[in-house]
């Protein structure tokens, strides 16, 4: 069994709280700020696209390699 752990801050609680930012932002925008659904989605999309590059410090090359690797795994498992 392959178990891969990505812990960029070397602290599980801190990494989990940073990963929860889009979920909490989504709920905050819908309930407290009372934004429309499409605007909430656009705000969350921008945060989701911004987070790997500036918080987790991943560059585009590393993200492309992961996509390419996942594609090989999916092709290997598909009939």
C-alpha atoms as a PDB file:
ATOM      1  CA  UNK A   1       0.000   0.000   0.000  1.00  0.00           C
ATOM      2  CA  UNK A   2       1.328   3.431  -0.946  1.00  0.00           C
ATOM      3  CA  UNK A   3       1.012   6.032   1.790  1.00  0.00           C
ATOM      4  CA  UNK A   4       2.152   9.519   0.909  1.00  0.00           C
ATOM      5  CA  UNK A   5       2.085  12.364   3.403  1.00  0.00           C
ATOM      6  CA  UNK A   6       2.429  15.979   2.343  1.00  0.00           C
ATOM      7  CA  UNK A   7       3.159  18.110   5.392  1.00  0.00           C
ATOM      8  CA  UNK A   8       4.653  21.385   4.116  1.00  0.00           C
ATOM      9  CA  UNK A   9       4.867  23.130   7.490  1.00  0.00           C
ATOM     10  CA  UNK A  10       6.125  20.084   9.452  1.00  0.00           C
ATOM     11  CA  UNK A  11       3.214  20.586  11.826  1.00  0.00           C
ATOM     12  CA  UNK A  12       0.016  18.641  11.198  1.00  0.00           C
ATOM     13  CA  UNK A  13      -2.316  21.145  12.874  1.00  0.00           C
ATOM     14  CA  UNK A  14      -0.880  24.111  10.974  1.00  0.00           C
ATOM     15  CA  UNK A  15      -0.964  22.279   7.643  1.00  0.00           C
ATOM     16  CA  UNK A  16      -4.565  21.186   8.218  1.00  0.00           C
ATOM     17  CA  UNK A  17      -5.679  24.688   9.159  1.00  0.00           C
ATOM     18  CA  UNK A  18      -4.073  26.162   6.028  1.00  0.00           C
ATOM     19  CA  UNK A  19      -5.731  23.451   3.936  1.00  0.00           C
ATOM     20  CA  UNK A  20      -9.100  24.359   5.507  1.00  0.00           C
ATOM     21  CA  UNK A  21      -8.919  28.010   4.388  1.00  0.00           C
ATOM     22  CA  UNK A  22     -10.989  27.530   1.184  1.00  0.00           C
ATOM     23  CA  UNK A  23     -13.712  25.608   3.019  1.00  0.00           C
ATOM     24  CA  UNK A  24     -13.967  28.186   5.781  1.00  0.00           C
ATOM     25  CA  UNK A  25     -13.898  31.028   3.253  1.00  0.00           C
ATOM     26  CA  UNK A  26     -16.690  29.369   1.282  1.00  0.00           C
ATOM     27  CA  UNK A  27     -18.896  29.094   4.367  1.00  0.00           C
ATOM     28  CA  UNK A  28     -18.030  32.624   5.510  1.00  0.00           C
ATOM     29  CA  UNK A  29     -18.915  34.158   2.146  1.00  0.00           C
ATOM     30  CA  UNK A  30     -22.221  32.297   1.900  1.00  0.00           C
ATOM     31  CA  UNK A  31     -23.476  32.794   5.444  1.00  0.00           C
ATOM     32  CA  UNK A  32     -22.053  36.003   6.886  1.00  0.00           C
ATOM     33  CA  UNK A  33     -21.230  38.041   3.768  1.00  0.00           C
ATOM     34  CA  UNK A  34     -24.331  36.723   1.924  1.00  0.00           C
ATOM     35  CA  UNK A  35     -22.624  36.656  -1.462  1.00  0.00           C
ATOM     36  CA  UNK A  36     -24.140  34.997  -4.511  1.00  0.00           C
ATOM     37  CA  UNK A  37     -23.008  31.466  -5.272  1.00  0.00           C
ATOM     38  CA  UNK A  38     -21.131  32.291  -8.478  1.00  0.00           C
ATOM     39  CA  UNK A  39     -19.146  35.054  -6.765  1.00  0.00           C
ATOM     40  CA  UNK A  40     -18.283  32.764  -3.851  1.00  0.00           C
ATOM     41  CA  UNK A  41     -17.074  30.149  -6.318  1.00  0.00           C
ATOM     42  CA  UNK A  42     -14.857  32.664  -8.114  1.00  0.00           C
ATOM     43  CA  UNK A  43     -13.336  33.850  -4.827  1.00  0.00           C
ATOM     44  CA  UNK A  44     -12.656  30.267  -3.760  1.00  0.00           C
ATOM     45  CA  UNK A  45     -11.226  29.348  -7.144  1.00  0.00           C
ATOM     46  CA  UNK A  46      -8.766  32.215  -6.900  1.00  0.00           C
ATOM     47  CA  UNK A  47      -7.719  31.123  -3.401  1.00  0.00           C
ATOM     48  CA  UNK A  48      -7.402  27.486  -4.468  1.00  0.00           C
ATOM     49  CA  UNK A  49      -5.194  28.434  -7.423  1.00  0.00           C
ATOM     50  CA  UNK A  50      -3.132  30.905  -5.360  1.00  0.00           C
ATOM     51  CA  UNK A  51      -2.488  28.686  -2.344  1.00  0.00           C
ATOM     52  CA  UNK A  52      -0.115  26.035  -3.806  1.00  0.00           C
ATOM     53  CA  UNK A  53       2.193  28.608  -5.336  1.00  0.00           C
ATOM     54  CA  UNK A  54       2.474  31.149  -2.529  1.00  0.00           C
ATOM     55  CA  UNK A  55       1.748  29.243   0.678  1.00  0.00           C
ATOM     56  CA  UNK A  56       3.044  25.735  -0.088  1.00  0.00           C
ATOM     57  CA  UNK A  57       5.787  27.183  -2.349  1.00  0.00           C
ATOM     58  CA  UNK A  58       5.187  24.772  -5.236  1.00  0.00           C
ATOM     59  CA  UNK A  59       6.164  25.884  -8.688  1.00  0.00           C
ATOM     60  CA  UNK A  60       4.376  24.947 -11.888  1.00  0.00           C
ATOM     61  CA  UNK A  61       6.891  22.235 -12.772  1.00  0.00           C
ATOM     62  CA  UNK A  62       6.215  20.247  -9.583  1.00  0.00           C
ATOM     63  CA  UNK A  63       2.451  20.474 -10.090  1.00  0.00           C
ATOM     64  CA  UNK A  64       2.763  19.299 -13.721  1.00  0.00           C
ATOM     65  CA  UNK A  65       4.837  16.295 -12.663  1.00  0.00           C
ATOM     66  CA  UNK A  66       2.157  15.302 -10.140  1.00  0.00           C
ATOM     67  CA  UNK A  67      -0.560  15.612 -12.787  1.00  0.00           C
ATOM     68  CA  UNK A  68       1.515  13.529 -15.197  1.00  0.00           C
ATOM     69  CA  UNK A  69       2.152  10.849 -12.562  1.00  0.00           C
ATOM     70  CA  UNK A  70      -1.529  10.712 -11.636  1.00  0.00           C
ATOM     71  CA  UNK A  71      -2.378  10.295 -15.315  1.00  0.00           C
ATOM     72  CA  UNK A  72      -0.095   7.268 -15.552  1.00  0.00           C
ATOM     73  CA  UNK A  73      -1.694   5.714 -12.482  1.00  0.00           C
ATOM     74  CA  UNK A  74      -5.189   6.277 -13.860  1.00  0.00           C
ATOM     75  CA  UNK A  75      -4.195   4.759 -17.234  1.00  0.00           C
ATOM     76  CA  UNK A  76      -2.660   1.748 -15.492  1.00  0.00           C
ATOM     77  CA  UNK A  77      -5.851   1.048 -13.539  1.00  0.00           C
ATOM     78  CA  UNK A  78      -8.327   1.629 -16.360  1.00  0.00           C
ATOM     79  CA  UNK A  79      -9.321  -1.412 -18.434  1.00  0.00           C
END
